[in-house]
Amino acid sequence: MPVKESSIETSHGRIAIRESAGEGMPVLLIHGNSSCGAVFRNQLQGAIGERYRLIAPDLPGHGDSADALDPERSYCMEGYADAMTEVLRRMGIEQAVVFGWSLGGHIGLEMIKRFPGMLGLMITGTPPVAPDQVMQGFRTSPHMNLAGQEHFSAEDVENYAHSTCGEPFEPFLRDVVARTDGRARRLMFEKFVGGSGEDQSRIVATARVPLAVVNGVDEPFVNVAFLRDIAYANLWEGRTFEIPNSGHAPFWDAPAAFDAIFARFLDDMAARR
């Protein structure tokens, strides 16, 4: 199924966008650190993208988007959330579901107060931690330190690309890591550990937006047990979901299992719309 590619000029810089052919409810897909919207290929070109209007921007400094006009402003969770909200506004979209993967999930949580038209939010690979819960929400991983490292060697690029998406591995996953503005990693990480942005544990404990939490059982970076036990104000179907034989990116490494849950969530959100 064809995917439409375009770009929008924003106050954060030029943002590249992929859209599926579907004409149903808009769904914003937000990728993770040092990735791009193309990682959602299975959904954009599959049955979900045929039914719903999937919109997958590249974050500032990532993929085909331009580097941020003001890195200090844009390269943080709240800066990205502002950029994604601006994209929806410039596209004339007043209501949408948001799916966020990894960093994208943190961005989605930051968008709740910025985008009142959010119909629902699904997060994957995203522990909504308070500043004092970082060590509880994340797992120690051999390549975790790369998430905030500005300069990458060829080996760093290879390691980060493989560890974030897993299999099947394709060359574009390596290319997009190499393309990423390294300042985006460094500034985002510095601001995150410095406590900028909202207390995300409080967001999920108080926000009434329906929230779906889906992770791979073999998640290398996130403590999925932590996600089962924290307080949620409106957890979709009253439970978190864990997909067997899947790692940090279940929409990529286990698309059939992931899409079954994702489609059910979207159908529910569309019915409530």
Protein backbone atom coordinates (compact mmCIF):
# COMPACT_ATOMS: atom_id res chain seq x y z
CA MET A 1 0.00 0.00 0.00
CA PRO A 2 1.49 3.40 -0.94
CA VAL A 3 2.75 5.78 1.73
CA LYS A 4 2.52 9.51 1.12
CA GLU A 5 5.61 11.54 1.98
CA SER A 6 5.59 15.28 2.62
CA SER A 7 7.08 17.90 4.93
CA ILE A 8 5.86 20.79 7.07
CA GLU A 9 7.70 23.91 8.15
CA THR A 10 7.41 24.40 11.91
CA SER A 11 8.96 26.66 14.53
CA HIS A 12 11.28 23.71 15.34
CA GLY A 13 12.40 23.30 11.73
CA ARG A 14 11.22 21.32 8.72
CA ILE A 15 9.47 18.09 9.73
CA ALA A 16 9.25 15.15 7.31
CA ILE A 17 6.02 13.15 7.45
CA ARG A 18 4.80 9.77 6.19
CA GLU A 19 1.08 9.08 5.93
CA SER A 20 -0.80 5.89 5.23
CA ALA A 21 -3.61 5.67 2.68
CA GLY A 22 -6.35 5.24 5.29
CA GLU A 23 -8.97 7.95 5.72
CA GLY A 24 -10.25 7.02 9.18
CA MET A 25 -9.39 8.43 12.58
CA PRO A 26 -5.96 10.15 12.63
CA VAL A 27 -3.25 8.30 14.55
CA LEU A 28 0.08 9.96 15.30
CA LEU A 29 3.04 7.55 15.46
CA ILE A 30 6.10 8.89 17.32
CA HIS A 31 9.37 7.03 16.93
CA GLY A 32 12.20 6.60 19.40
CA ASN A 33 15.65 8.05 19.95
CA SER A 34 17.85 7.99 16.81
CA SER A 35 15.15 6.40 14.68
CA CYS A 36 12.55 7.71 12.20
CA GLY A 37 8.95 7.27 11.12
CA ALA A 38 9.90 4.60 8.57
CA VAL A 39 10.27 2.14 11.46
CA PHE A 40 6.45 1.95 11.45
CA ARG A 41 6.45 0.53 7.92
CA ASN A 42 4.47 -2.58 8.89
CA GLN A 43 1.63 -0.49 10.26
CA LEU A 44 1.74 2.22 7.56
CA GLN A 45 1.56 -0.32 4.75
CA GLY A 46 -0.65 -2.89 6.49
CA ALA A 47 -4.31 -3.31 7.33
CA ILE A 48 -4.24 -0.72 10.13
CA GLY A 49 -2.82 1.90 7.77
CA GLU A 50 -5.46 1.02 5.20
CA ARG A 51 -8.24 1.75 7.68
CA TYR A 52 -6.84 4.61 9.77
CA ARG A 53 -4.93 7.75 8.82
CA LEU A 54 -1.53 6.92 10.28
CA ILE A 55 0.83 9.91 10.49
CA ALA A 56 4.51 9.20 11.20
CA PRO A 57 6.70 12.31 11.44
CA ASP A 58 10.47 12.26 11.85
CA LEU A 59 11.42 14.16 15.00
CA PRO A 60 13.65 17.23 14.65
CA GLY A 61 17.23 16.10 14.06
CA HIS A 62 16.09 12.65 12.94
CA GLY A 63 15.47 10.90 9.63
CA ASP A 64 14.47 13.21 6.78
CA SER A 65 13.58 16.11 9.09
CA ALA A 66 15.94 19.06 9.43
CA ASP A 67 18.10 19.54 12.49
CA ALA A 68 16.40 21.68 15.12
CA LEU A 69 16.51 25.42 14.58
CA ASP A 70 17.08 25.82 18.33
CA PRO A 71 18.56 22.59 19.74
CA GLU A 72 18.19 23.70 23.36
CA ARG A 73 14.48 24.23 22.82
CA SER A 74 13.65 21.20 20.70
CA TYR A 75 15.93 18.38 21.83
CA CYS A 76 14.06 17.34 24.97
CA MET A 77 10.84 15.48 25.66
CA GLU A 78 8.78 18.61 26.14
CA GLY A 79 10.35 20.26 23.06
CA TYR A 80 9.52 17.26 20.92
CA ALA A 81 6.00 17.21 22.38
CA ASP A 82 5.57 20.83 21.36
CA ALA A 83 6.86 20.02 17.86
CA MET A 84 4.46 17.08 17.41
CA THR A 85 1.54 19.14 18.68
CA GLU A 86 2.46 21.87 16.21
CA VAL A 87 2.56 19.32 13.38
CA LEU A 88 -0.99 18.21 14.16
CA ARG A 89 -2.16 21.79 14.40
CA ARG A 90 -0.59 22.74 11.08
CA MET A 91 -2.21 19.67 9.47
CA GLY A 92 -5.59 20.85 10.76
CA ILE A 93 -6.05 17.80 13.00
CA GLU A 94 -8.05 18.54 16.14
CA GLN A 95 -8.44 14.96 17.43
CA ALA A 96 -6.09 11.98 17.19
CA VAL A 97 -4.86 8.87 18.95
CA VAL A 98 -1.13 8.89 19.74
CA PHE A 99 1.22 5.92 19.75
CA GLY A 100 4.70 6.50 21.14
CA TRP A 101 7.62 4.10 21.08
CA SER A 102 10.45 4.50 23.63
CA LEU A 103 11.34 8.21 23.61
CA GLY A 104 8.16 8.63 21.56
CA GLY A 105 6.11 7.32 24.48
CA HIS A 106 7.62 9.90 26.80
CA ILE A 107 6.78 12.53 24.18
CA GLY A 108 3.20 11.26 24.01
CA LEU A 109 2.85 11.59 27.78
CA GLU A 110 4.15 15.17 27.58
CA MET A 111 1.58 15.88 24.84
CA ILE A 112 -1.43 15.13 27.03
CA LYS A 113 -1.61 18.65 28.47
CA ARG A 114 -0.55 20.23 25.15
CA PHE A 115 -3.00 18.45 22.85
CA PRO A 116 -6.51 18.44 24.33
CA GLY A 117 -7.79 16.47 21.34
CA MET A 118 -5.87 13.32 22.32
CA LEU A 119 -8.39 10.48 22.13
CA GLY A 120 -6.08 7.84 23.55
CA LEU A 121 -2.41 7.04 24.04
CA MET A 122 -0.48 3.79 23.63
CA ILE A 123 3.13 3.54 24.81
CA THR A 124 5.74 0.87 24.15
CA GLY A 125 9.23 0.70 25.65
CA THR A 126 8.44 3.70 27.85
CA PRO A 127 8.58 3.61 31.65
CA PRO A 128 6.66 6.65 33.00
CA VAL A 129 9.03 7.38 35.86
CA ALA A 130 9.30 10.07 38.50
CA PRO A 131 12.75 11.67 38.81
CA ASP A 132 13.61 9.30 41.68
CA GLN A 133 12.38 6.17 39.85
CA VAL A 134 14.77 6.10 36.89
CA MET A 135 16.73 3.13 38.22
CA GLN A 136 13.50 1.24 38.87
CA GLY A 137 11.93 1.88 35.49
CA PHE A 138 14.95 1.16 33.31
CA ARG A 139 17.16 -1.92 33.09
CA THR A 140 20.93 -1.88 32.84
CA SER A 141 21.90 -2.81 29.29
CA PRO A 142 25.27 -3.08 27.50
CA HIS A 143 24.26 -0.31 25.08
CA MET A 144 22.03 1.82 27.32
CA ASN A 145 24.75 4.47 27.69
CA LEU A 146 24.59 5.19 23.96
CA ALA A 147 21.14 6.74 24.35
CA GLY A 148 22.68 10.01 25.59
CA GLN A 149 26.01 9.94 23.74
CA GLU A 150 26.55 12.68 21.17
CA HIS A 151 29.30 11.19 19.01
CA PHE A 152 28.99 7.66 17.65
CA SER A 153 31.70 5.48 16.16
CA ALA A 154 30.75 3.03 13.40
CA GLU A 155 30.57 0.33 16.06
CA ASP A 156 28.28 2.47 18.22
CA VAL A 157 25.94 2.99 15.26
CA GLU A 158 25.82 -0.75 14.61
CA ASN A 159 25.25 -1.65 18.26
CA TYR A 160 22.54 0.93 18.84
CA ALA A 161 20.67 0.04 15.66
CA HIS A 162 20.66 -3.67 16.47
CA SER A 163 19.76 -3.30 20.15
CA THR A 164 16.80 -0.97 19.66
CA CYS A 165 14.87 -2.79 16.93
CA GLY A 166 16.32 -6.30 16.95
CA GLU A 167 15.35 -8.59 14.09
CA PRO A 168 14.68 -8.46 11.22
CA PHE A 169 17.58 -6.05 10.79
CA GLU A 170 17.61 -3.83 7.71
CA PRO A 171 20.27 -1.34 6.56
CA PHE A 172 18.00 1.71 6.92
CA LEU A 173 17.92 1.11 10.68
CA ARG A 174 21.68 1.64 10.76
CA ASP A 175 21.53 4.60 8.37
CA VAL A 176 19.00 6.51 10.45
CA VAL A 177 21.08 6.10 13.61
CA ALA A 178 24.12 7.45 11.74
CA ARG A 179 22.08 10.38 10.40
CA THR A 180 20.70 11.52 13.78
CA ASP A 181 21.97 14.84 15.09
CA GLY A 182 24.11 13.70 18.04
CA ARG A 183 23.13 16.80 19.99
CA ALA A 184 19.60 15.41 20.08
CA ARG A 185 20.76 12.43 22.14
CA ARG A 186 23.02 14.40 24.45
CA LEU A 187 20.65 17.27 25.18
CA MET A 188 17.60 15.03 25.60
CA PHE A 189 19.44 12.79 28.06
CA GLU A 190 20.95 15.68 30.01
CA LYS A 191 17.57 17.35 30.38
CA PHE A 192 15.84 14.07 31.28
CA VAL A 193 18.23 13.16 34.09
CA GLY A 194 18.18 16.81 35.15
CA GLY A 195 14.45 16.52 35.84
CA SER A 196 13.04 18.66 33.04
CA GLY A 197 9.51 18.03 31.87
CA GLU A 198 6.58 16.59 33.78
CA ASP A 199 6.71 13.89 36.44
CA GLN A 200 5.47 11.12 34.16
CA SER A 201 4.46 8.82 37.00
CA ARG A 202 2.08 11.57 38.08
CA ILE A 203 0.80 11.99 34.52
CA VAL A 204 -0.28 8.34 34.24
CA ALA A 205 -1.68 8.37 37.76
CA THR A 206 -3.93 11.38 37.09
CA ALA A 207 -4.60 11.81 33.35
CA ARG A 208 -8.00 10.56 32.21
CA VAL A 209 -6.90 9.88 28.62
CA PRO A 210 -7.19 6.10 27.96
CA LEU A 211 -3.67 4.68 28.18
CA ALA A 212 -2.55 1.36 26.69
CA VAL A 213 0.81 -0.07 27.80
CA VAL A 214 2.33 -2.72 25.51
CA ASN A 215 5.85 -4.18 25.73
CA GLY A 216 7.94 -7.09 24.57
CA VAL A 217 8.61 -9.80 27.14
CA ASP A 218 12.31 -9.65 26.22
CA GLU A 219 12.50 -5.84 26.58
CA PRO A 220 16.22 -5.02 27.02
CA PHE A 221 15.94 -1.46 28.35
CA VAL A 222 12.74 -1.28 30.39
CA ASN A 223 11.70 -3.09 33.57
CA VAL A 224 8.31 -4.39 32.46
CA ALA A 225 7.50 -5.55 36.00
CA PHE A 226 7.70 -1.90 37.10
CA LEU A 227 5.04 -1.03 34.53
CA ARG A 228 2.64 -3.65 35.88
CA ASP A 229 2.63 -2.22 39.38
CA ILE A 230 2.53 1.58 39.10
CA ALA A 231 -0.68 3.60 39.52
CA TYR A 232 -2.76 4.44 36.44
CA ALA A 233 -5.82 6.65 36.29
CA ASN A 234 -7.25 5.08 33.13
CA LEU A 235 -5.34 1.96 32.06
CA TRP A 236 -6.95 0.50 28.94
CA GLU A 237 -8.58 -2.87 29.63
CA GLY A 238 -7.24 -2.65 33.19
CA ARG A 239 -3.90 -4.33 32.48
CA THR A 240 -0.56 -3.96 30.73
CA PHE A 241 0.30 -6.20 27.76
CA GLU A 242 3.49 -8.19 27.21
CA ILE A 243 4.20 -9.78 23.82
CA PRO A 244 6.21 -13.05 23.84
CA ASN A 245 9.37 -13.36 21.74
CA SER A 246 9.61 -9.60 21.36
CA GLY A 247 12.08 -6.97 22.52
CA HIS A 248 12.11 -3.18 22.55
CA ALA A 249 10.11 -2.72 19.34
CA PRO A 250 7.20 -5.22 19.15
CA PHE A 251 5.56 -3.31 16.28
CA TRP A 252 8.70 -4.21 14.28
CA ASP A 253 9.84 -7.61 15.58
CA ALA A 254 6.37 -9.08 16.28
CA PRO A 255 3.97 -7.08 14.09
CA ALA A 256 1.17 -9.64 13.93
CA ALA A 257 0.88 -9.91 17.72
CA PHE A 258 1.34 -6.17 18.20
CA ASP A 259 -1.11 -5.14 15.48
CA ALA A 260 -3.84 -7.33 16.98
CA ILE A 261 -3.66 -5.30 20.19
CA PHE A 262 -3.11 -1.98 18.41
CA ALA A 263 -6.10 -2.49 16.09
CA ARG A 264 -8.37 -3.35 19.02
CA PHE A 265 -7.22 -0.23 20.86
CA LEU A 266 -7.81 1.98 17.82
CA ASP A 267 -11.23 0.46 17.16
CA ASP A 268 -12.17 1.15 20.78
CA MET A 269 -10.95 4.75 20.61
CA ALA A 270 -12.79 5.29 17.32
CA ALA A 271 -16.01 3.94 18.83
CA ARG A 272 -15.71 6.38 21.76
CA ARG A 273 -14.89 9.34 19.50
